Protein backbone atom coordinates (compact mmCIF):
# COMPACT_ATOMS: atom_id res chain seq x y z
CA MET A 1 -0.07 0.11 0.32
CA LYS A 2 2.91 2.60 0.62
CA ALA A 3 4.37 1.79 -2.64
CA LEU A 4 0.81 2.65 -4.17
CA ALA A 5 0.56 6.07 -2.49
CA LEU A 6 4.27 6.82 -3.59
CA PHE A 7 3.25 6.27 -7.11
CA LEU A 8 0.09 7.70 -7.16
CA THR A 9 1.80 11.10 -5.76
CA ALA A 10 4.09 10.82 -8.09
CA ALA A 11 2.33 10.24 -11.06
CA LEU A 12 -0.24 12.86 -9.81
CA THR A 13 2.10 15.60 -9.28
CA GLY A 14 3.83 14.72 -12.63
CA CYS A 15 0.56 15.62 -14.52
CA ALA A 16 -0.10 18.89 -12.67
CA THR A 17 3.41 20.46 -13.33
CA THR A 18 2.84 19.45 -17.28
CA ALA A 19 -0.16 21.63 -17.22
CA THR A 20 1.28 24.44 -14.79
CA THR A 21 4.01 24.75 -17.22
CA LYS A 22 2.07 24.61 -20.28
CA ARG A 23 -0.14 27.34 -18.44
CA ASN A 24 2.88 29.59 -18.23
CA SER A 25 3.23 30.45 -21.88
CA LYS A 26 0.18 31.92 -22.67
CA PRO A 27 -0.51 33.19 -26.30
CA ASP A 28 0.10 37.00 -26.94
CA THR A 29 -3.31 38.39 -25.80
CA VAL A 30 -5.13 41.30 -23.83
CA VAL A 31 -4.33 42.32 -20.63
CA ALA A 32 -7.33 41.64 -17.81
CA MET A 33 -9.59 43.99 -17.08
CA ALA A 34 -10.14 45.57 -13.48
CA ALA A 35 -13.09 44.08 -11.67
CA PRO A 36 -16.27 45.90 -12.15
CA HIS A 37 -17.75 47.93 -9.38
CA SER A 38 -20.91 46.21 -7.90
CA GLY A 39 -24.58 47.22 -8.29
CA ASP A 40 -27.14 47.04 -10.69
CA ARG A 41 -28.85 50.73 -10.22
CA SER A 42 -28.10 54.17 -10.60
CA ILE A 43 -25.69 55.80 -8.43
CA SER A 44 -25.68 58.99 -6.76
CA TYR A 45 -22.69 60.79 -7.18
CA ALA A 46 -21.28 64.15 -7.49
CA VAL A 47 -20.80 66.23 -10.62
CA GLY A 48 -19.23 69.55 -10.17
CA VAL A 49 -21.19 73.04 -11.42
CA ASN A 50 -17.94 73.63 -13.15
CA ALA A 51 -17.80 70.16 -14.90
CA SER A 52 -17.13 70.33 -18.68
CA LEU A 53 -17.72 67.93 -21.43
CA ASP A 54 -14.97 66.11 -21.10
CA ASP A 55 -15.36 65.62 -17.16
CA LEU A 56 -18.98 63.88 -18.04
CA VAL A 57 -17.44 61.57 -20.53
CA ARG A 58 -15.27 60.39 -17.85
CA HIS A 59 -17.99 59.93 -15.55
CA ALA A 60 -20.00 58.10 -18.24
CA LEU A 61 -17.15 55.85 -18.96
CA VAL A 62 -16.63 55.00 -14.98
CA HIS A 63 -20.14 54.14 -14.01
CA HIS A 64 -22.00 53.27 -17.27
CA PRO A 65 -23.33 49.32 -17.08
CA SER A 66 -22.57 48.76 -20.47
CA ILE A 67 -19.09 48.94 -19.88
CA THR A 68 -19.33 47.38 -16.93
CA ALA A 69 -20.84 44.25 -18.85
CA ALA A 70 -18.18 44.75 -21.67
CA GLU A 71 -15.39 44.68 -19.11
CA ALA A 72 -16.99 40.99 -17.61
CA LYS A 73 -16.90 39.97 -20.84
CA VAL A 74 -13.43 40.38 -21.82
CA ARG A 75 -12.63 38.56 -18.51
CA ARG A 76 -14.77 36.14 -19.04
CA LEU A 77 -13.35 35.04 -22.11
CA LEU A 78 -9.76 35.71 -21.18
CA ALA A 79 -10.90 32.78 -18.65
CA LYS A 80 -11.06 30.49 -21.28
CA VAL A 81 -7.49 30.62 -22.30
CA PRO A 82 -6.11 28.42 -19.52
CA GLN A 83 -8.73 26.40 -19.78
CA ALA A 84 -8.13 25.59 -23.41
CA GLU A 85 -4.31 24.89 -22.88
CA SER A 86 -4.38 22.83 -20.19
CA LEU A 87 -4.17 18.95 -20.25
CA PRO A 88 -7.43 16.85 -19.21
CA ASN A 89 -7.32 15.22 -16.05
CA PRO A 90 -6.18 12.65 -15.00
CA LYS A 91 -7.86 9.37 -14.20
CA PHE A 92 -7.67 6.89 -11.89
CA LYS A 93 -8.97 3.44 -11.66
CA LEU A 94 -9.45 1.10 -8.63
CA SER A 95 -10.25 -2.79 -9.65
CA SER A 96 -10.33 -5.63 -7.15
CA GLY A 97 -12.32 -8.49 -7.03
CA ALA A 98 -12.12 -12.56 -8.06
CA MET A 99 -9.10 -11.51 -10.36
CA ALA A 100 -6.44 -13.69 -11.89
CA GLU A 101 -3.64 -15.43 -10.07
CA THR A 102 -0.14 -15.50 -11.39
CA ALA A 103 2.61 -17.48 -10.67
CA ALA A 104 3.72 -14.76 -8.14
CA GLY A 105 0.58 -15.33 -6.31
CA ARG A 106 -3.23 -14.13 -6.67
CA VAL A 107 -3.84 -10.47 -7.61
CA ASN A 108 -6.26 -8.45 -4.60
CA TRP A 109 -6.74 -5.68 -6.60
CA MET A 110 -5.09 -3.37 -9.31
CA ALA A 111 -4.86 0.64 -9.15
CA GLY A 112 -3.38 2.66 -12.32
CA VAL A 113 -3.36 6.50 -13.55
CA GLU A 114 -4.08 7.63 -17.07
CA GLN A 115 -3.41 10.64 -18.51
CA ALA A 116 -4.60 12.01 -21.99
CA LEU A 117 -2.22 13.78 -24.14
CA PRO A 118 -3.77 15.34 -27.72
CA PHE A 119 -1.98 15.39 -30.35
CA PRO A 120 0.77 18.28 -30.29
CA GLY A 121 -0.27 21.54 -31.52
CA LYS A 122 -4.08 21.00 -30.56
CA LEU A 123 -3.93 22.69 -27.25
CA ARG A 124 -2.48 25.62 -28.80
CA GLU A 125 -4.40 26.48 -31.47
CA MET A 126 -7.12 25.87 -29.02
CA ALA A 127 -5.39 28.70 -26.56
CA ARG A 128 -4.61 31.12 -29.56
CA ALA A 129 -8.08 31.00 -30.49
CA ALA A 130 -9.54 32.08 -27.15
CA GLY A 131 -6.65 34.66 -26.91
CA LYS A 132 -8.22 36.12 -29.94
CA GLU A 133 -11.69 36.05 -28.93
CA ALA A 134 -11.03 37.78 -25.88
CA GLU A 135 -8.61 40.60 -28.20
CA ALA A 136 -12.04 40.89 -30.02
CA ALA A 137 -14.15 41.05 -27.07
CA ALA A 138 -11.17 43.94 -25.36
CA ALA A 139 -11.95 46.01 -28.83
CA GLN A 140 -15.56 45.25 -28.86
CA LEU A 141 -15.11 47.10 -25.00
CA GLU A 142 -13.43 50.01 -26.95
CA GLY A 143 -16.44 50.18 -29.05
CA VAL A 144 -18.60 50.37 -26.26
CA ARG A 145 -16.84 53.13 -24.16
CA LEU A 146 -16.97 55.34 -28.07
CA SER A 147 -20.70 54.75 -28.02
CA VAL A 148 -21.38 56.17 -24.43
CA ALA A 149 -18.64 58.82 -24.95
CA SER A 150 -20.45 59.81 -28.33
CA GLN A 151 -23.98 59.46 -26.44
CA VAL A 152 -22.88 61.41 -23.45
CA GLU A 153 -21.99 64.22 -26.14
CA GLN A 154 -24.65 64.00 -28.44
CA ALA A 155 -26.96 64.44 -25.11
CA TYR A 156 -25.26 66.92 -24.05
CA TRP A 157 -25.61 69.04 -26.83
CA ASN A 158 -29.25 68.26 -26.90
CA LEU A 159 -29.24 69.59 -23.42
CA TYR A 160 -27.47 72.63 -24.56
CA LEU A 161 -29.68 73.40 -27.26
CA ALA A 162 -33.00 72.80 -25.14
CA LYS A 163 -31.32 75.37 -22.27
CA ARG A 164 -30.39 78.22 -25.18
CA THR A 165 -34.19 77.72 -26.66
CA THR A 166 -35.38 78.17 -22.85
CA GLU A 167 -33.08 81.44 -22.67
CA ILE A 168 -33.47 82.89 -25.85
CA THR A 169 -37.33 82.66 -25.55
CA SER A 170 -37.12 84.48 -21.90
CA GLN A 171 -34.93 86.93 -22.90
CA ASN A 172 -37.60 87.52 -26.04
CA ARG A 173 -40.33 87.71 -24.20
CA GLN A 174 -38.88 90.18 -21.86
CA ALA A 175 -37.89 92.03 -25.36
CA LEU A 176 -41.73 92.09 -26.27
CA GLU A 177 -42.74 93.57 -23.21
CA ALA A 178 -40.41 96.24 -23.93
CA VAL A 179 -42.35 96.74 -27.02
CA ARG A 180 -45.41 96.43 -25.14
CA ASP A 181 -45.01 99.77 -23.30
CA SER A 182 -44.27 101.23 -27.29
CA VAL A 183 -47.39 100.04 -28.15
CA ASP A 184 -49.34 100.90 -25.22
CA ALA A 185 -48.32 104.74 -25.61
CA ARG A 186 -49.02 104.50 -29.12
CA VAL A 187 -52.71 103.32 -28.77
CA ALA A 188 -52.92 105.92 -25.79
CA ALA A 189 -52.28 108.53 -27.62
CA ASN A 190 -54.52 107.25 -30.60
CA GLN A 191 -51.58 106.70 -33.08
CA SER A 192 -52.29 103.36 -33.02
CA SER A 193 -54.74 101.11 -33.11
CA GLN A 194 -56.10 98.17 -30.60
CA ASP A 195 -55.14 95.62 -33.14
CA ASP A 196 -51.71 96.19 -32.23
CA GLN A 197 -52.47 95.39 -28.91
CA LEU A 198 -54.17 91.89 -29.92
CA ARG A 199 -51.20 90.91 -32.53
CA LEU A 200 -48.89 91.58 -29.42
CA ALA A 201 -50.78 89.46 -26.98
CA THR A 202 -50.66 86.44 -29.63
CA GLU A 203 -47.10 86.82 -29.83
CA SER A 204 -46.87 86.72 -26.41
CA GLY A 205 -49.21 83.73 -25.85
CA LYS A 206 -46.91 81.85 -28.61
CA LEU A 207 -44.13 82.60 -26.96
CA GLU A 208 -45.09 81.11 -23.51
CA GLN A 209 -46.20 78.21 -25.56
CA ALA A 210 -42.26 77.62 -26.81
CA LEU A 211 -41.27 77.96 -23.17
CA ILE A 212 -43.23 75.62 -21.92
CA GLN A 213 -42.30 73.23 -24.68
CA ALA A 214 -38.35 74.40 -24.33
CA ASN A 215 -38.46 73.71 -20.51
CA ARG A 216 -40.04 70.30 -21.32
CA ALA A 217 -37.17 69.69 -23.99
CA GLU A 218 -34.60 70.50 -21.44
CA ALA A 219 -35.85 68.59 -18.82
CA SER A 220 -36.26 65.64 -21.02
CA ALA A 221 -32.17 66.11 -22.00
CA ARG A 222 -31.37 66.14 -18.28
CA SER A 223 -33.16 62.66 -17.79
CA ARG A 224 -31.34 61.03 -20.72
CA LEU A 225 -27.95 62.89 -19.68
CA ASN A 226 -27.92 61.70 -16.15
CA ALA A 227 -29.45 58.06 -17.52
CA LEU A 228 -25.66 57.76 -19.51
CA LEU A 229 -23.96 58.85 -16.72
CA ASN A 230 -26.05 56.45 -14.39
CA ARG A 231 -27.42 58.89 -12.15
CA PRO A 232 -30.72 59.23 -10.78
CA SER A 233 -32.64 61.48 -13.31
CA GLY A 234 -33.47 64.51 -11.21
CA SER A 235 -30.03 64.94 -10.14
CA GLU A 236 -28.11 68.15 -10.89
CA LEU A 237 -25.91 68.98 -14.05
CA PRO A 238 -23.65 71.20 -14.84
CA SER A 239 -25.00 74.17 -17.37
CA PRO A 240 -23.63 73.65 -20.80
CA HIS A 241 -21.54 75.97 -22.81
CA PHE A 242 -20.67 75.77 -26.11
CA ARG A 243 -17.08 75.02 -27.30
CA SER A 244 -15.98 75.45 -30.96
CA GLY A 245 -13.87 72.59 -32.12
CA GLY A 246 -11.95 72.98 -34.66
CA VAL A 247 -12.67 70.85 -37.83
CA ARG A 248 -9.38 68.75 -39.40
CA LYS A 249 -9.01 69.36 -42.72
CA ASP A 250 -7.73 66.31 -43.90
CA LEU A 251 -10.92 63.80 -44.65
CA ASP A 252 -8.65 61.33 -46.55
CA GLY A 253 -6.41 60.81 -43.44
CA LEU A 254 -9.66 60.92 -41.16
CA VAL A 255 -11.28 58.02 -43.32
CA SER A 256 -7.70 56.16 -43.53
CA LEU A 257 -7.25 56.20 -39.46
CA ALA A 258 -11.17 54.75 -39.01
CA GLU A 259 -10.50 52.23 -41.53
CA SER A 260 -7.31 50.46 -39.46
CA GLN A 261 -8.01 51.67 -35.85
CA HIS A 262 -11.57 52.09 -35.38
CA PRO A 263 -12.67 49.23 -32.62
CA SER A 264 -14.85 47.36 -35.20
CA VAL A 265 -12.79 46.97 -37.44
CA VAL A 266 -9.86 45.48 -34.96
CA ALA A 267 -12.56 43.44 -33.47
CA ALA A 268 -13.37 41.85 -36.74
CA GLY A 269 -9.50 41.03 -37.39
CA ALA A 270 -9.09 39.21 -34.20
CA SER A 271 -11.91 36.98 -34.79
CA ARG A 272 -10.66 36.01 -38.11
CA GLU A 273 -7.97 35.30 -36.76
CA ALA A 274 -9.66 33.20 -34.18
CA TYR A 275 -11.80 31.21 -36.78
CA GLN A 276 -7.95 30.72 -38.45
CA HIS A 277 -6.22 29.47 -35.71
CA ARG A 278 -9.89 26.63 -34.77
CA LEU A 279 -9.51 25.89 -39.17
CA LYS A 280 -6.13 24.68 -38.12
CA ARG A 281 -7.27 22.87 -34.71
CA ALA A 282 -9.78 21.09 -37.06
CA GLU A 283 -7.08 20.01 -38.94
CA LEU A 284 -5.36 18.31 -36.21
CA GLU A 285 -8.43 16.39 -35.74
CA ARG A 286 -7.49 13.92 -38.30
CA PHE A 287 -4.50 12.73 -35.61
CA PRO A 288 -4.73 10.65 -33.08
CA ASP A 289 -4.88 11.57 -29.30
CA PHE A 290 -2.86 9.66 -26.85
CA MET A 291 -3.18 7.87 -23.55
CA LEU A 292 -0.08 7.29 -21.07
CA GLY A 293 -0.81 4.82 -17.89
CA VAL A 294 0.51 3.13 -15.39
CA GLN A 295 -0.66 0.54 -13.34
CA HIS A 296 0.16 -1.41 -10.19
CA ALA A 297 -1.09 -4.64 -9.43
CA ALA A 298 -1.14 -6.41 -5.32
CA VAL A 299 -0.23 -9.92 -5.50
CA SER A 300 -0.77 -11.93 -2.35
CA ASP A 301 2.07 -13.85 -1.35
CA SER A 302 -0.61 -17.23 -1.11
CA GLY A 303 -1.45 -18.80 -4.14
CA LEU A 304 -1.75 -22.35 -5.76
CA ALA A 305 1.59 -22.35 -7.54
CA PRO A 306 4.67 -23.25 -5.03
CA SER A 307 6.49 -20.58 -6.82
CA ALA A 308 4.34 -18.07 -5.52
CA ASN A 309 6.25 -14.95 -3.66
CA GLY A 310 3.65 -11.96 -3.89
CA ARG A 311 5.52 -10.28 -5.60
CA ASP A 312 3.71 -6.33 -6.93
CA GLN A 313 3.60 -5.46 -10.44
CA LEU A 314 3.89 -2.57 -11.72
CA PHE A 315 3.64 -1.99 -15.56
CA ALA A 316 3.32 1.02 -17.97
CA SER A 317 0.25 1.45 -21.09
CA ILE A 318 -0.06 3.71 -23.54
CA GLY A 319 -2.84 3.86 -26.21
CA VAL A 320 -4.23 6.11 -28.99
CA SER A 321 -7.60 7.48 -29.93
CA ILE A 322 -9.01 6.63 -33.08
CA PRO A 323 -9.78 9.33 -35.36
CA LEU A 324 -12.84 7.43 -37.34
CA TRP A 325 -15.66 9.33 -37.94
CA ARG A 326 -14.73 11.87 -40.72
CA ALA A 327 -17.98 13.93 -40.67
CA PRO A 328 -17.99 16.01 -37.70
CA ARG A 329 -14.34 16.75 -38.34
CA ARG A 330 -14.95 18.06 -42.06
CA ALA A 331 -18.14 19.82 -40.10
CA LYS A 332 -15.74 21.43 -37.74
CA ILE A 333 -13.33 22.55 -40.95
CA GLU A 334 -16.14 24.10 -42.69
CA GLU A 335 -17.27 26.06 -39.36
CA ALA A 336 -14.10 27.55 -39.20
CA ARG A 337 -13.62 28.21 -42.74
CA ALA A 338 -16.83 29.97 -43.42
CA GLY A 339 -16.26 32.08 -40.01
CA ILE A 340 -13.48 33.60 -42.09
CA ASP A 341 -15.58 34.12 -44.74
CA GLU A 342 -17.83 35.94 -42.52
CA SER A 343 -15.27 37.76 -40.36
CA THR A 344 -13.30 39.30 -43.67
CA ALA A 345 -16.79 40.25 -44.58
CA LEU A 346 -17.76 42.07 -42.05
CA ILE A 347 -14.37 43.66 -42.33
CA GLY A 348 -15.22 45.03 -46.00
CA ALA A 349 -18.65 46.13 -44.43
CA THR A 350 -17.37 47.84 -41.32
CA ARG A 351 -14.84 49.82 -43.47
CA ALA A 352 -17.97 51.21 -45.93
CA SER A 353 -19.60 51.92 -43.22
CA LEU A 354 -17.12 53.98 -42.02
CA ARG A 355 -15.87 55.51 -44.53
CA HIS A 356 -19.88 56.96 -44.99
CA GLU A 357 -20.03 57.69 -41.25
CA VAL A 358 -17.02 59.96 -40.99
CA GLU A 359 -17.44 61.72 -44.55
CA ASP A 360 -21.16 62.64 -43.16
CA ALA A 361 -19.78 63.76 -39.87
CA TRP A 362 -17.17 65.51 -41.53
CA GLN A 363 -19.07 67.50 -44.01
CA ARG A 364 -21.90 68.57 -41.34
CA ALA A 365 -19.16 69.89 -39.17
CA LYS A 366 -18.04 71.99 -41.64
CA SER A 367 -21.45 73.38 -42.66
CA ALA A 368 -22.42 74.18 -39.37
CA GLU A 369 -18.74 75.74 -38.45
CA SER A 370 -19.19 77.98 -41.64
CA LEU A 371 -23.02 78.52 -40.33
CA ILE A 372 -21.73 79.45 -37.31
CA THR A 373 -19.14 82.19 -38.48
CA LEU A 374 -21.47 83.50 -41.06
CA PHE A 375 -24.23 84.21 -38.52
CA ASP A 376 -21.67 85.51 -35.75
CA LYS A 377 -20.18 88.39 -38.06
CA GLN A 378 -23.47 89.06 -40.35
CA ILE A 379 -26.90 87.49 -39.93
CA LEU A 380 -27.25 88.14 -36.15
CA PRO A 381 -25.60 91.85 -36.05
CA GLU A 382 -27.75 93.20 -39.27
CA SER A 383 -30.78 91.30 -38.08
CA GLN A 384 -30.35 93.02 -34.41
CA GLN A 385 -29.28 96.17 -36.14
CA SER A 386 -32.64 96.19 -38.50
CA PHE A 387 -34.97 95.24 -35.23
CA ASP A 388 -33.79 98.05 -32.99
CA GLY A 389 -33.97 100.56 -36.22
CA VAL A 390 -37.96 99.37 -36.85
CA LEU A 391 -38.42 99.66 -33.22
CA THR A 392 -37.47 103.16 -32.72
CA SER A 393 -39.17 103.91 -36.32
CA TYR A 394 -42.33 102.34 -34.88
CA ALA A 395 -41.85 104.60 -31.72
CA ALA A 396 -41.69 107.66 -33.61
CA GLY A 397 -44.32 107.11 -35.76
CA LYS A 398 -42.76 105.86 -39.09
CA GLU A 399 -43.38 102.28 -38.97
CA ASN A 400 -46.19 100.04 -38.47
CA PHE A 401 -46.86 97.85 -36.04
CA VAL A 402 -46.62 94.67 -38.36
CA ASP A 403 -43.11 95.40 -39.98
CA ALA A 404 -41.83 96.19 -36.23
CA LEU A 405 -43.32 92.59 -35.33
CA ASP A 406 -41.77 90.97 -38.61
CA ALA A 407 -38.62 91.99 -37.68
CA TRP A 408 -38.63 91.09 -33.90
CA ARG A 409 -39.91 87.21 -35.19
CA GLN A 410 -36.94 87.44 -37.77
CA LEU A 411 -34.15 88.05 -35.13
CA LEU A 412 -35.98 85.21 -32.55
CA ALA A 413 -35.46 82.61 -35.35
CA PHE A 414 -32.05 83.79 -36.05
CA GLN A 415 -30.98 83.98 -32.52
CA LEU A 416 -32.48 79.52 -32.50
CA GLN A 417 -31.07 79.17 -35.33
CA GLN A 418 -27.88 79.99 -34.20
CA ALA A 419 -28.09 78.00 -31.42
CA GLY A 420 -28.96 74.89 -33.25
CA ASN A 421 -25.89 75.36 -35.55
CA GLN A 422 -23.48 75.29 -32.13
CA ALA A 423 -25.31 71.96 -31.11
CA GLN A 424 -24.92 70.56 -34.83
CA LEU A 425 -21.40 71.37 -34.70
CA GLY A 426 -20.85 69.80 -31.42
CA GLN A 427 -22.97 66.96 -32.47
CA ALA A 428 -21.11 66.09 -35.67
CA LEU A 429 -17.59 66.47 -33.88
CA ALA A 430 -18.75 63.74 -31.45
CA SER A 431 -20.34 61.55 -34.38
CA LEU A 432 -16.86 62.31 -36.27
CA ARG A 433 -14.82 61.18 -33.11
CA LYS A 434 -16.90 58.36 -33.23
CA ALA A 435 -16.51 56.98 -36.50
CA THR A 436 -12.81 57.56 -36.27
CA GLY A 437 -12.29 55.78 -32.91
CA THR A 438 -10.43 59.20 -31.47
CA HIS A 439 -12.67 59.91 -28.54
CA PHE A 440 -9.60 58.58 -25.83
């Protein structure tokens, strides 16, 4: 029994050492992600009153649940690498009963250990495939981060537009009150009819309606932005501000950047490499695996033969699997080849889509940038000057109220349009960063 115990200890230790040695030679793969934060609900955390858009993006990248899920997926797939490259567990077998009697005596019982050894290369290719799948998941994680960052920026500029609409509408309501003083004065002096007061009341009602809608849009935009930050919908947010970000002029360079470095392209490329390793693994299936074993037989020193001496038996065995069934092997090869074709086509489709996204976002950004400059330098100053002149002329009795009202409407429309131009520029730049993969 002591000999059997020593034998089993040595055999099992040897198998474990082999598996450990193989695990220490991992293929190149992505680094493990940090453990995710716990919780599946919104988090109440403070955001500074002077926090910038970049600060909000950083908060979202830390707290958004979809990023946590993507990080967990990377860790899950990384955990498959040591599973794929490790030897299967050895098997222990114990036999007892009415066993054979040898010249050395009757066999009381037999024990043995058997270890399966896959054909050289099989474990390596499976481990490399698992590593590439983890790399694809890591690239997909970067894609999720890009998406969340872009969504935060889009929501930020929606909030900016809603807030500016509220501010502009409120300011124009005050301007309309100033116009009311002139109208009331002219009506009191019998220089205008009460129709002007009725028109003014109608415009005031329209402004109140627009203000209600703007407040509703602002509340919705705040709720959306807080949701992306994984905060309760009523949490306080900093006031959004417009910042002019320059648009790069080299469109071809942006397209090339997107086609080569975008996470979706990288993920599809890693997935294709994983299928290539799976193909090599499937092709190795035509070669047999090996089984190595060692057995010990405990022999009694009593037996029928006069020569019985009770000497125990120790012997080794070797076996091979028989790769007889060809259909499953062919199916695995076909599966891997189809996966390679799928990933290759996906790379092409992704690049085509990215080319369109980059060019569309770039054109929108350039257009918005030009409009902002035009409005700031010409349209808004001239419109303000026109309204001031018409209002002065109306107070002096040189213009009718309809002209003054039209000038005010035009100024209001241009102010709102400029706010829309600014929000469009911010959103176009966000789309451009997402399409080129340059948010970080």
